[in-house]
Amino acid sequence: MALDYPEDLQYFDSHEYARLDENEATIGITAYAIEQLGDVVYLELPEVGEEVSKGDRLGSVESVKAVEDIYAPLSGTVIERNETLLETPESLGDDPYGDGWLIKIKINEGEDLDEGMTAEDYQALVEGQ
């Protein structure tokens, strides 16, 4: 399977991505991470209204192979979570950068938004180039 690396995202070495839109960010996990996990069977996400801090655990994803923590790439307040994905976690890999988003946050004021990698840098990281 060819992996996608959409150019409009910021990528993080813990395999999360963020799609920035003014003071909001849509956060998910990359297609590469999902491919490594295999079939996803359970997903844990923070509640709407919870504060998440950059680098802290914000939830977990469980597959038939492993349970992996999901880390917040940015700090902010959860304004939405993907309830559909919580009900059908196995669909996470169908469209990780579209319908497969995990949470949306209102980014804290003053947050450094330039710490992520470009699609090209992330691709080089995961493909070992």
N, C-alpha and C. Protein backbone atom coordinates (compact mmCIF):
# COMPACT_ATOMS: atom_id res chain seq x y z
N MET A 1 0.84 -1.18 0.00
CA MET A 1 0.00 0.00 0.00
C MET A 1 0.89 1.24 0.00
N ALA A 2 0.66 2.13 -0.93
CA ALA A 2 1.41 3.39 -0.96
C ALA A 2 0.85 4.32 0.11
N LEU A 3 1.74 4.90 0.88
CA LEU A 3 1.32 5.79 1.95
C LEU A 3 1.23 7.22 1.44
N ASP A 4 0.22 7.92 1.94
CA ASP A 4 0.05 9.34 1.61
C ASP A 4 0.72 10.20 2.66
N TYR A 5 1.20 11.35 2.23
CA TYR A 5 1.76 12.36 3.12
C TYR A 5 1.22 13.72 2.65
N PRO A 6 -0.04 14.03 3.00
CA PRO A 6 -0.60 15.30 2.53
C PRO A 6 0.27 16.49 2.92
N GLU A 7 0.43 17.40 1.97
CA GLU A 7 1.32 18.55 2.15
C GLU A 7 0.78 19.59 3.12
N ASP A 8 -0.53 19.60 3.35
CA ASP A 8 -1.12 20.66 4.18
C ASP A 8 -1.09 20.35 5.68
N LEU A 9 -0.38 19.32 6.07
CA LEU A 9 -0.32 18.90 7.47
C LEU A 9 1.05 19.15 8.06
N GLN A 10 1.08 19.26 9.39
CA GLN A 10 2.34 19.21 10.12
C GLN A 10 2.42 17.81 10.73
N TYR A 11 3.61 17.23 10.68
CA TYR A 11 3.81 15.87 11.19
C TYR A 11 4.73 15.92 12.40
N PHE A 12 4.58 14.93 13.27
CA PHE A 12 5.38 14.88 14.50
C PHE A 12 6.00 13.50 14.62
N ASP A 13 7.18 13.43 15.25
CA ASP A 13 7.91 12.16 15.26
C ASP A 13 7.22 11.07 16.07
N SER A 14 6.19 11.43 16.84
CA SER A 14 5.40 10.42 17.54
C SER A 14 4.24 9.93 16.66
N HIS A 15 4.25 10.31 15.38
CA HIS A 15 3.34 9.84 14.33
C HIS A 15 1.93 10.41 14.42
N GLU A 16 1.80 11.58 15.04
CA GLU A 16 0.55 12.33 14.95
C GLU A 16 0.71 13.39 13.86
N TYR A 17 -0.43 13.90 13.41
CA TYR A 17 -0.40 15.03 12.49
C TYR A 17 -1.35 16.10 13.02
N ALA A 18 -1.15 17.32 12.55
CA ALA A 18 -2.06 18.43 12.87
C ALA A 18 -2.36 19.20 11.60
N ARG A 19 -3.63 19.46 11.39
CA ARG A 19 -4.07 20.32 10.28
C ARG A 19 -4.50 21.63 10.94
N LEU A 20 -3.77 22.69 10.66
CA LEU A 20 -4.01 23.97 11.31
C LEU A 20 -4.98 24.81 10.51
N ASP A 21 -5.91 25.45 11.23
CA ASP A 21 -6.88 26.36 10.62
C ASP A 21 -7.09 27.49 11.61
N GLU A 22 -6.34 28.57 11.42
CA GLU A 22 -6.34 29.72 12.32
C GLU A 22 -6.00 29.26 13.73
N ASN A 23 -6.94 29.36 14.70
CA ASN A 23 -6.61 28.99 16.07
C ASN A 23 -7.14 27.61 16.45
N GLU A 24 -7.44 26.79 15.44
CA GLU A 24 -7.89 25.43 15.68
C GLU A 24 -6.97 24.44 14.98
N ALA A 25 -6.89 23.23 15.55
CA ALA A 25 -6.10 22.17 14.93
C ALA A 25 -6.90 20.88 14.96
N THR A 26 -6.87 20.19 13.83
CA THR A 26 -7.44 18.85 13.74
C THR A 26 -6.27 17.89 13.89
N ILE A 27 -6.38 16.96 14.84
CA ILE A 27 -5.28 16.06 15.17
C ILE A 27 -5.68 14.62 14.86
N GLY A 28 -4.73 13.89 14.30
CA GLY A 28 -4.95 12.47 14.03
C GLY A 28 -3.63 11.74 14.06
N ILE A 29 -3.67 10.46 13.71
CA ILE A 29 -2.42 9.70 13.59
C ILE A 29 -2.21 9.35 12.13
N THR A 30 -0.95 9.25 11.75
CA THR A 30 -0.59 9.11 10.35
C THR A 30 -0.91 7.73 9.78
N ALA A 31 -1.02 7.69 8.47
CA ALA A 31 -1.25 6.42 7.78
C ALA A 31 -0.12 5.43 8.08
N TYR A 32 1.10 5.94 8.20
CA TYR A 32 2.24 5.07 8.53
C TYR A 32 2.02 4.40 9.88
N ALA A 33 1.60 5.17 10.89
CA ALA A 33 1.37 4.60 12.22
C ALA A 33 0.26 3.56 12.17
N ILE A 34 -0.79 3.85 11.44
CA ILE A 34 -1.91 2.91 11.34
C ILE A 34 -1.47 1.62 10.65
N GLU A 35 -0.66 1.76 9.60
CA GLU A 35 -0.14 0.57 8.91
C GLU A 35 0.70 -0.28 9.86
N GLN A 36 1.50 0.35 10.72
CA GLN A 36 2.32 -0.38 11.67
C GLN A 36 1.47 -1.09 12.72
N LEU A 37 0.36 -0.47 13.10
CA LEU A 37 -0.51 -1.04 14.13
C LEU A 37 -1.28 -2.26 13.64
N GLY A 38 -1.72 -2.22 12.40
CA GLY A 38 -2.60 -3.27 11.90
C GLY A 38 -4.05 -2.94 12.22
N ASP A 39 -4.87 -3.95 12.41
CA ASP A 39 -6.31 -3.74 12.60
C ASP A 39 -6.59 -3.10 13.96
N VAL A 40 -7.18 -1.92 13.93
CA VAL A 40 -7.50 -1.19 15.16
C VAL A 40 -8.81 -1.74 15.73
N VAL A 41 -8.80 -2.01 17.05
CA VAL A 41 -9.99 -2.58 17.70
C VAL A 41 -10.58 -1.67 18.78
N TYR A 42 -9.80 -0.68 19.26
CA TYR A 42 -10.31 0.19 20.32
C TYR A 42 -9.58 1.53 20.28
N LEU A 43 -10.30 2.58 20.63
CA LEU A 43 -9.74 3.92 20.61
C LEU A 43 -10.20 4.65 21.86
N GLU A 44 -9.27 5.32 22.53
CA GLU A 44 -9.58 6.14 23.69
C GLU A 44 -9.18 7.58 23.38
N LEU A 45 -10.13 8.51 23.56
CA LEU A 45 -9.88 9.93 23.27
C LEU A 45 -10.35 10.78 24.45
N PRO A 46 -9.78 11.98 24.58
CA PRO A 46 -10.22 12.86 25.66
C PRO A 46 -11.63 13.39 25.41
N GLU A 47 -12.28 13.84 26.49
CA GLU A 47 -13.62 14.40 26.40
C GLU A 47 -13.56 15.84 25.89
N VAL A 48 -14.64 16.30 25.27
CA VAL A 48 -14.75 17.69 24.87
C VAL A 48 -14.64 18.55 26.13
N GLY A 49 -13.87 19.62 26.04
CA GLY A 49 -13.67 20.50 27.18
C GLY A 49 -12.39 20.22 27.94
N GLU A 50 -11.78 19.05 27.72
CA GLU A 50 -10.52 18.72 28.40
C GLU A 50 -9.38 19.54 27.82
N GLU A 51 -8.44 19.88 28.69
CA GLU A 51 -7.21 20.54 28.26
C GLU A 51 -6.19 19.46 27.89
N VAL A 52 -5.49 19.65 26.78
CA VAL A 52 -4.38 18.76 26.42
C VAL A 52 -3.12 19.60 26.33
N SER A 53 -2.01 19.03 26.76
CA SER A 53 -0.73 19.73 26.74
C SER A 53 0.22 19.04 25.79
N LYS A 54 0.93 19.86 25.02
CA LYS A 54 1.87 19.33 24.04
C LYS A 54 2.81 18.31 24.69
N GLY A 55 2.92 17.14 24.07
CA GLY A 55 3.81 16.10 24.56
C GLY A 55 3.17 15.14 25.54
N ASP A 56 2.00 15.50 26.08
CA ASP A 56 1.33 14.62 27.03
C ASP A 56 0.44 13.62 26.30
N ARG A 57 0.18 12.51 26.96
CA ARG A 57 -0.70 11.47 26.42
C ARG A 57 -2.11 12.05 26.34
N LEU A 58 -2.76 11.87 25.18
CA LEU A 58 -4.14 12.34 25.07
C LEU A 58 -5.11 11.20 24.85
N GLY A 59 -4.61 10.01 24.67
CA GLY A 59 -5.47 8.86 24.48
C GLY A 59 -4.63 7.67 24.06
N SER A 60 -5.32 6.65 23.55
CA SER A 60 -4.59 5.48 23.07
C SER A 60 -5.36 4.81 21.94
N VAL A 61 -4.61 4.03 21.20
CA VAL A 61 -5.20 3.24 20.12
C VAL A 61 -4.74 1.81 20.33
N GLU A 62 -5.70 0.89 20.27
CA GLU A 62 -5.40 -0.53 20.49
C GLU A 62 -5.67 -1.29 19.20
N SER A 63 -4.69 -2.11 18.84
CA SER A 63 -4.86 -2.94 17.65
C SER A 63 -4.69 -4.39 18.07
N VAL A 64 -4.79 -5.28 17.09
CA VAL A 64 -4.57 -6.69 17.38
C VAL A 64 -3.11 -6.94 17.74
N LYS A 65 -2.22 -6.00 17.38
CA LYS A 65 -0.78 -6.17 17.65
C LYS A 65 -0.31 -5.50 18.93
N ALA A 66 -0.88 -4.32 19.28
CA ALA A 66 -0.32 -3.52 20.36
C ALA A 66 -1.30 -2.46 20.83
N VAL A 67 -0.97 -1.87 21.98
CA VAL A 67 -1.66 -0.68 22.46
C VAL A 67 -0.63 0.44 22.45
N GLU A 68 -0.95 1.52 21.77
CA GLU A 68 -0.02 2.65 21.66
C GLU A 68 -0.68 3.91 22.18
N ASP A 69 0.09 4.70 22.91
CA ASP A 69 -0.40 5.99 23.36
C ASP A 69 -0.40 6.98 22.20
N ILE A 70 -1.33 7.92 22.27
CA ILE A 70 -1.40 9.02 21.32
C ILE A 70 -0.99 10.27 22.10
N TYR A 71 -0.11 11.07 21.53
CA TYR A 71 0.40 12.26 22.21
C TYR A 71 -0.10 13.53 21.55
N ALA A 72 -0.30 14.55 22.36
CA ALA A 72 -0.77 15.84 21.86
C ALA A 72 0.39 16.58 21.19
N PRO A 73 0.27 16.90 19.91
CA PRO A 73 1.33 17.66 19.24
C PRO A 73 1.28 19.15 19.56
N LEU A 74 0.15 19.60 20.10
CA LEU A 74 -0.05 21.01 20.46
C LEU A 74 -0.86 21.06 21.75
N SER A 75 -0.81 22.20 22.43
CA SER A 75 -1.60 22.40 23.64
C SER A 75 -2.88 23.15 23.30
N GLY A 76 -3.97 22.78 23.99
CA GLY A 76 -5.23 23.47 23.77
C GLY A 76 -6.37 22.77 24.46
N THR A 77 -7.58 23.19 24.11
CA THR A 77 -8.80 22.65 24.68
C THR A 77 -9.54 21.85 23.61
N VAL A 78 -9.95 20.63 23.96
CA VAL A 78 -10.69 19.78 23.02
C VAL A 78 -12.06 20.41 22.76
N ILE A 79 -12.34 20.70 21.48
CA ILE A 79 -13.63 21.28 21.11
C ILE A 79 -14.52 20.28 20.38
N GLU A 80 -13.92 19.19 19.93
CA GLU A 80 -14.70 18.15 19.24
C GLU A 80 -13.88 16.87 19.24
N ARG A 81 -14.56 15.75 19.30
CA ARG A 81 -13.88 14.47 19.11
C ARG A 81 -14.69 13.64 18.13
N ASN A 82 -14.03 12.72 17.48
CA ASN A 82 -14.65 11.95 16.41
C ASN A 82 -15.44 10.79 17.01
N GLU A 83 -16.69 11.06 17.35
CA GLU A 83 -17.55 10.05 17.98
C GLU A 83 -17.76 8.84 17.07
N THR A 84 -17.86 9.08 15.76
CA THR A 84 -18.05 7.98 14.81
C THR A 84 -16.89 6.99 14.90
N LEU A 85 -15.68 7.53 15.01
CA LEU A 85 -14.49 6.69 15.10
C LEU A 85 -14.46 5.91 16.41
N LEU A 86 -14.96 6.50 17.48
CA LEU A 86 -15.01 5.79 18.76
C LEU A 86 -15.93 4.57 18.66
N GLU A 87 -16.99 4.70 17.87
CA GLU A 87 -17.94 3.59 17.69
C GLU A 87 -17.42 2.55 16.71
N THR A 88 -16.64 2.98 15.72
CA THR A 88 -16.11 2.06 14.70
C THR A 88 -14.61 2.30 14.53
N PRO A 89 -13.80 1.98 15.56
CA PRO A 89 -12.37 2.25 15.48
C PRO A 89 -11.67 1.53 14.32
N GLU A 90 -12.25 0.45 13.88
CA GLU A 90 -11.64 -0.30 12.77
C GLU A 90 -11.61 0.50 11.48
N SER A 91 -12.41 1.58 11.40
CA SER A 91 -12.42 2.40 10.18
C SER A 91 -11.34 3.48 10.19
N LEU A 92 -10.52 3.54 11.24
CA LEU A 92 -9.47 4.55 11.35
C LEU A 92 -8.55 4.56 10.13
N GLY A 93 -8.19 3.41 9.62
CA GLY A 93 -7.27 3.31 8.51
C GLY A 93 -7.88 3.61 7.15
N ASP A 94 -9.21 3.72 7.08
CA ASP A 94 -9.86 3.95 5.79
C ASP A 94 -9.51 5.31 5.20
N ASP A 95 -9.42 6.32 6.05
CA ASP A 95 -9.17 7.69 5.59
C ASP A 95 -8.54 8.48 6.73
N PRO A 96 -7.29 8.16 7.10
CA PRO A 96 -6.70 8.77 8.30
C PRO A 96 -6.61 10.29 8.26
N TYR A 97 -6.51 10.87 7.07
CA TYR A 97 -6.35 12.32 6.97
C TYR A 97 -7.67 13.04 6.68
N GLY A 98 -8.73 12.28 6.50
CA GLY A 98 -10.06 12.85 6.26
C GLY A 98 -10.99 12.48 7.40
N ASP A 99 -11.83 11.47 7.16
CA ASP A 99 -12.78 11.03 8.17
C ASP A 99 -12.11 10.40 9.40
N GLY A 100 -10.84 10.09 9.31
CA GLY A 100 -10.14 9.43 10.40
C GLY A 100 -9.48 10.36 11.40
N TRP A 101 -9.83 11.63 11.41
CA TRP A 101 -9.29 12.55 12.41
C TRP A 101 -9.74 12.10 13.78
N LEU A 102 -8.99 12.46 14.82
CA LEU A 102 -9.31 12.04 16.18
C LEU A 102 -9.99 13.12 17.01
N ILE A 103 -9.32 14.27 17.15
CA ILE A 103 -9.89 15.37 17.93
C ILE A 103 -9.61 16.69 17.24
N LYS A 104 -10.38 17.70 17.64
CA LYS A 104 -10.12 19.07 17.23
C LYS A 104 -9.93 19.88 18.49
N ILE A 105 -8.90 20.73 18.48
CA ILE A 105 -8.64 21.55 19.65
C ILE A 105 -8.60 23.03 19.27
N LYS A 106 -8.94 23.86 20.26
CA LYS A 106 -8.70 25.30 20.16
C LYS A 106 -7.30 25.48 20.72
N ILE A 107 -6.39 25.95 19.88
CA ILE A 107 -4.98 26.04 20.24
C ILE A 107 -4.78 27.15 21.27
N ASN A 108 -3.98 26.86 22.30
CA ASN A 108 -3.66 27.87 23.30
C ASN A 108 -2.94 29.05 22.65
N GLU A 109 -3.26 30.24 23.11
CA GLU A 109 -2.62 31.45 22.61
C GLU A 109 -1.12 31.38 22.91
N GLY A 110 -0.32 31.79 21.95
CA GLY A 110 1.12 31.80 22.14
C GLY A 110 1.80 30.47 21.83
N GLU A 111 1.03 29.47 21.45
CA GLU A 111 1.58 28.15 21.13
C GLU A 111 2.49 28.26 19.89
N ASP A 112 3.63 27.60 19.94
CA ASP A 112 4.54 27.58 18.80
C ASP A 112 4.01 26.59 17.77
N LEU A 113 3.60 27.11 16.63
CA LEU A 113 2.96 26.27 15.61
C LEU A 113 3.94 25.78 14.56
N ASP A 114 5.22 26.03 14.75
CA ASP A 114 6.20 25.69 13.72
C ASP A 114 7.10 24.52 14.11
N GLU A 115 6.67 23.71 15.07
CA GLU A 115 7.54 22.63 15.53
C GLU A 115 7.34 21.32 14.77
N GLY A 116 6.32 21.25 13.94
CA GLY A 116 6.07 20.04 13.20
C GLY A 116 6.99 19.91 11.99
N MET A 117 6.98 18.74 11.41
CA MET A 117 7.77 18.47 10.20
C MET A 117 6.90 18.66 8.97
N THR A 118 7.55 18.90 7.86
CA THR A 118 6.84 18.93 6.58
C THR A 118 6.55 17.49 6.16
N ALA A 119 5.69 17.35 5.18
CA ALA A 119 5.38 16.02 4.64
C ALA A 119 6.66 15.34 4.15
N GLU A 120 7.50 16.10 3.48
CA GLU A 120 8.76 15.55 2.94
C GLU A 120 9.68 15.07 4.06
N ASP A 121 9.81 15.86 5.13
CA ASP A 121 10.67 15.46 6.26
C ASP A 121 10.12 14.22 6.96
N TYR A 122 8.80 14.18 7.14
CA TYR A 122 8.19 13.02 7.81
C TYR A 122 8.35 11.77 6.96
N GLN A 123 8.15 11.88 5.67
CA GLN A 123 8.31 10.74 4.77
C GLN A 123 9.74 10.22 4.85
N ALA A 124 10.72 11.11 4.88
CA ALA A 124 12.12 10.70 4.98
C ALA A 124 12.36 9.99 6.31
N LEU A 125 11.75 10.49 7.40
CA LEU A 125 11.89 9.88 8.70
C LEU A 125 11.39 8.43 8.70
N VAL A 126 10.18 8.23 8.23
CA VAL A 126 9.57 6.89 8.33
C VAL A 126 10.10 5.92 7.27
N GLU A 127 10.60 6.45 6.20
CA GLU A 127 11.14 5.57 5.16
C GLU A 127 12.65 5.40 5.32
N GLY A 128 13.20 6.00 6.38
CA GLY A 128 14.59 5.79 6.74
C GLY A 128 15.60 6.34 5.76
N GLN A 129 15.26 7.46 5.12
CA GLN A 129 16.19 8.05 4.14
C GLN A 129 17.02 9.14 4.78
